[in-house]
């Protein structure tokens, strides 16, 4: 028996229980394109930071309750730490004689422009994870 998370990853929505890897690839594509977790067509963001209240295509409510996106902070942390480490390694590779504190000081301003991108993707990933676990909630207005 598959867990709800596994069903969301490997089964097509409405596929009648027939296992398919295309569900996983469709979800990944939807995350990369920042689309709705339910219909995979509607945009989640109006601008850089402002989100739609609901999907413009299927009316799936993105923020189902106050504080819903607090969980996205964990996803943001999981995206930000490796990204900052990667930037610091790149700085260290370019200037190997610098001290660790200097490398971190140089890496931080290079990392800051990536913060809005990490913010957006953390919310998109969180919404998709939530949809995989509980697709019945957030059905619309």
Protein backbone atom coordinates (compact mmCIF):
# COMPACT_ATOMS: atom_id res chain seq x y z
CA UNK A 1 0.00 0.00 0.00
CA UNK A 2 1.38 3.41 -0.96
CA UNK A 3 1.53 6.29 1.45
CA UNK A 4 -0.32 9.50 0.48
CA UNK A 5 3.03 11.10 -0.38
CA UNK A 6 4.01 8.20 -2.64
CA UNK A 7 0.60 8.25 -4.31
CA UNK A 8 1.01 11.94 -5.06
CA UNK A 9 4.49 11.39 -6.47
CA UNK A 10 3.94 8.32 -8.60
CA UNK A 11 0.26 8.20 -9.52
CA UNK A 12 -1.47 10.41 -12.01
CA UNK A 13 -4.29 12.47 -10.60
CA UNK A 14 -7.49 10.67 -11.60
CA UNK A 15 -5.49 7.84 -13.13
CA UNK A 16 -7.61 5.14 -11.52
CA UNK A 17 -4.72 3.84 -9.43
CA UNK A 18 -2.49 2.97 -12.37
CA UNK A 19 1.10 3.69 -11.40
CA UNK A 20 2.87 6.12 -13.70
CA UNK A 21 6.12 8.01 -13.45
CA UNK A 22 4.64 10.86 -15.46
CA UNK A 23 2.96 12.11 -12.26
CA UNK A 24 6.39 12.74 -10.76
CA UNK A 25 7.69 14.50 -13.85
CA UNK A 26 4.53 16.58 -14.13
CA UNK A 27 4.93 17.66 -10.50
CA UNK A 28 8.59 18.57 -11.03
CA UNK A 29 7.70 20.56 -14.14
CA UNK A 30 4.92 22.30 -12.24
CA UNK A 31 7.30 23.24 -9.41
CA UNK A 32 9.93 24.55 -11.82
CA UNK A 33 7.30 26.62 -13.68
CA UNK A 34 5.74 27.71 -10.32
CA UNK A 35 2.28 26.43 -11.19
CA UNK A 36 -0.72 25.27 -9.16
CA UNK A 37 -0.28 21.87 -7.47
CA UNK A 38 -3.80 20.77 -8.44
CA UNK A 39 -4.25 21.74 -12.10
CA UNK A 40 -0.57 22.40 -12.99
CA UNK A 41 -1.72 25.28 -15.17
CA UNK A 42 -2.41 28.35 -13.06
CA UNK A 43 0.34 30.66 -11.89
CA UNK A 44 0.94 30.98 -8.16
CA UNK A 45 2.54 34.44 -8.15
CA UNK A 46 1.38 37.84 -9.42
CA UNK A 47 4.79 39.47 -9.07
CA UNK A 48 8.04 38.66 -7.31
CA UNK A 49 6.52 38.33 -3.85
CA UNK A 50 2.74 38.70 -4.15
CA UNK A 51 0.78 35.47 -4.54
CA UNK A 52 -2.66 34.84 -5.91
CA UNK A 53 -5.14 33.94 -3.16
CA UNK A 54 -6.34 31.06 -5.33
CA UNK A 55 -5.36 29.48 -8.61
CA UNK A 56 -6.71 31.58 -11.49
CA UNK A 57 -7.54 28.37 -13.41
CA UNK A 58 -9.02 25.88 -10.91
CA UNK A 59 -9.62 28.14 -7.85
CA UNK A 60 -7.46 25.97 -5.55
CA UNK A 61 -6.84 28.09 -2.43
CA UNK A 62 -3.09 28.43 -1.86
CA UNK A 63 -3.07 29.78 1.71
CA UNK A 64 -5.62 27.53 3.35
CA UNK A 65 -5.30 29.00 6.84
CA UNK A 66 -3.40 31.78 8.64
CA UNK A 67 0.22 30.75 9.02
CA UNK A 68 -0.06 28.08 6.33
CA UNK A 69 3.27 29.02 4.76
CA UNK A 70 5.22 28.78 8.03
CA UNK A 71 6.17 25.30 6.83
CA UNK A 72 7.68 26.90 3.74
CA UNK A 73 10.34 28.39 6.02
CA UNK A 74 11.75 24.88 6.52
CA UNK A 75 11.85 24.38 2.77
CA UNK A 76 13.47 27.80 2.40
CA UNK A 77 16.15 26.85 4.92
CA UNK A 78 16.75 23.56 3.08
CA UNK A 79 17.23 25.52 -0.17
CA UNK A 80 19.18 28.46 1.24
CA UNK A 81 21.87 26.66 3.25
CA UNK A 82 23.21 24.52 0.37
CA UNK A 83 23.01 27.53 -1.95
CA UNK A 84 25.02 29.70 0.45
CA UNK A 85 27.56 26.89 0.92
CA UNK A 86 27.86 26.55 -2.86
CA UNK A 87 28.45 30.30 -3.24
CA UNK A 88 31.04 30.21 -0.42
CA UNK A 89 32.83 27.27 -2.06
CA UNK A 90 32.88 29.20 -5.33
CA UNK A 91 34.34 32.27 -3.59
CA UNK A 92 36.92 30.06 -1.86
CA UNK A 93 37.81 28.48 -5.20
CA UNK A 94 38.35 31.93 -6.74
CA UNK A 95 40.31 33.30 -3.76
CA UNK A 96 41.84 30.36 -1.89
CA UNK A 97 44.02 32.49 0.40
CA UNK A 98 41.11 34.31 2.04
CA UNK A 99 40.09 33.46 5.59
CA UNK A 100 36.78 31.70 6.29
CA UNK A 101 35.18 34.86 7.66
CA UNK A 102 36.25 36.87 4.62
CA UNK A 103 34.89 34.18 2.32
CA UNK A 104 31.57 34.23 4.17
CA UNK A 105 31.53 38.04 4.04
CA UNK A 106 32.07 37.95 0.28
CA UNK A 107 29.57 35.12 -0.29
CA UNK A 108 26.70 36.77 1.57
CA UNK A 109 26.19 39.73 -0.82
CA UNK A 110 26.40 37.32 -3.75
CA UNK A 111 23.74 35.15 -2.11
CA UNK A 112 21.26 37.97 -1.31
CA UNK A 113 19.94 38.39 -4.89
CA UNK A 114 18.95 34.71 -4.76
CA UNK A 115 16.71 35.23 -1.69
CA UNK A 116 13.55 36.18 -3.65
CA UNK A 117 13.97 33.12 -5.87
CA UNK A 118 14.39 30.87 -2.83
CA UNK A 119 11.33 32.51 -1.24
CA UNK A 120 9.19 31.76 -4.28
CA UNK A 121 10.34 28.19 -4.72
CA UNK A 122 9.99 27.40 -1.03
CA UNK A 123 6.31 28.37 -1.18
CA UNK A 124 5.73 26.47 -4.40
CA UNK A 125 7.44 23.34 -3.06
CA UNK A 126 5.50 23.61 0.21
CA UNK A 127 2.18 23.89 -1.64
CA UNK A 128 3.04 20.86 -3.78
CA UNK A 129 4.11 18.79 -0.78
CA UNK A 130 0.87 19.71 0.98
CA UNK A 131 -1.16 18.76 -2.09
CA UNK A 132 0.56 15.36 -2.25
CA UNK A 133 -0.21 14.68 1.41
CA UNK A 134 -3.77 16.07 1.50
CA UNK A 135 -5.27 16.73 -1.95
CA UNK A 136 -8.83 17.02 -0.63
CA UNK A 137 -8.23 20.27 1.29
CA UNK A 138 -8.13 23.73 -0.29
CA UNK A 139 -10.85 22.90 -2.75
CA UNK A 140 -11.74 26.49 -3.49
CA UNK A 141 -13.92 29.36 -2.34
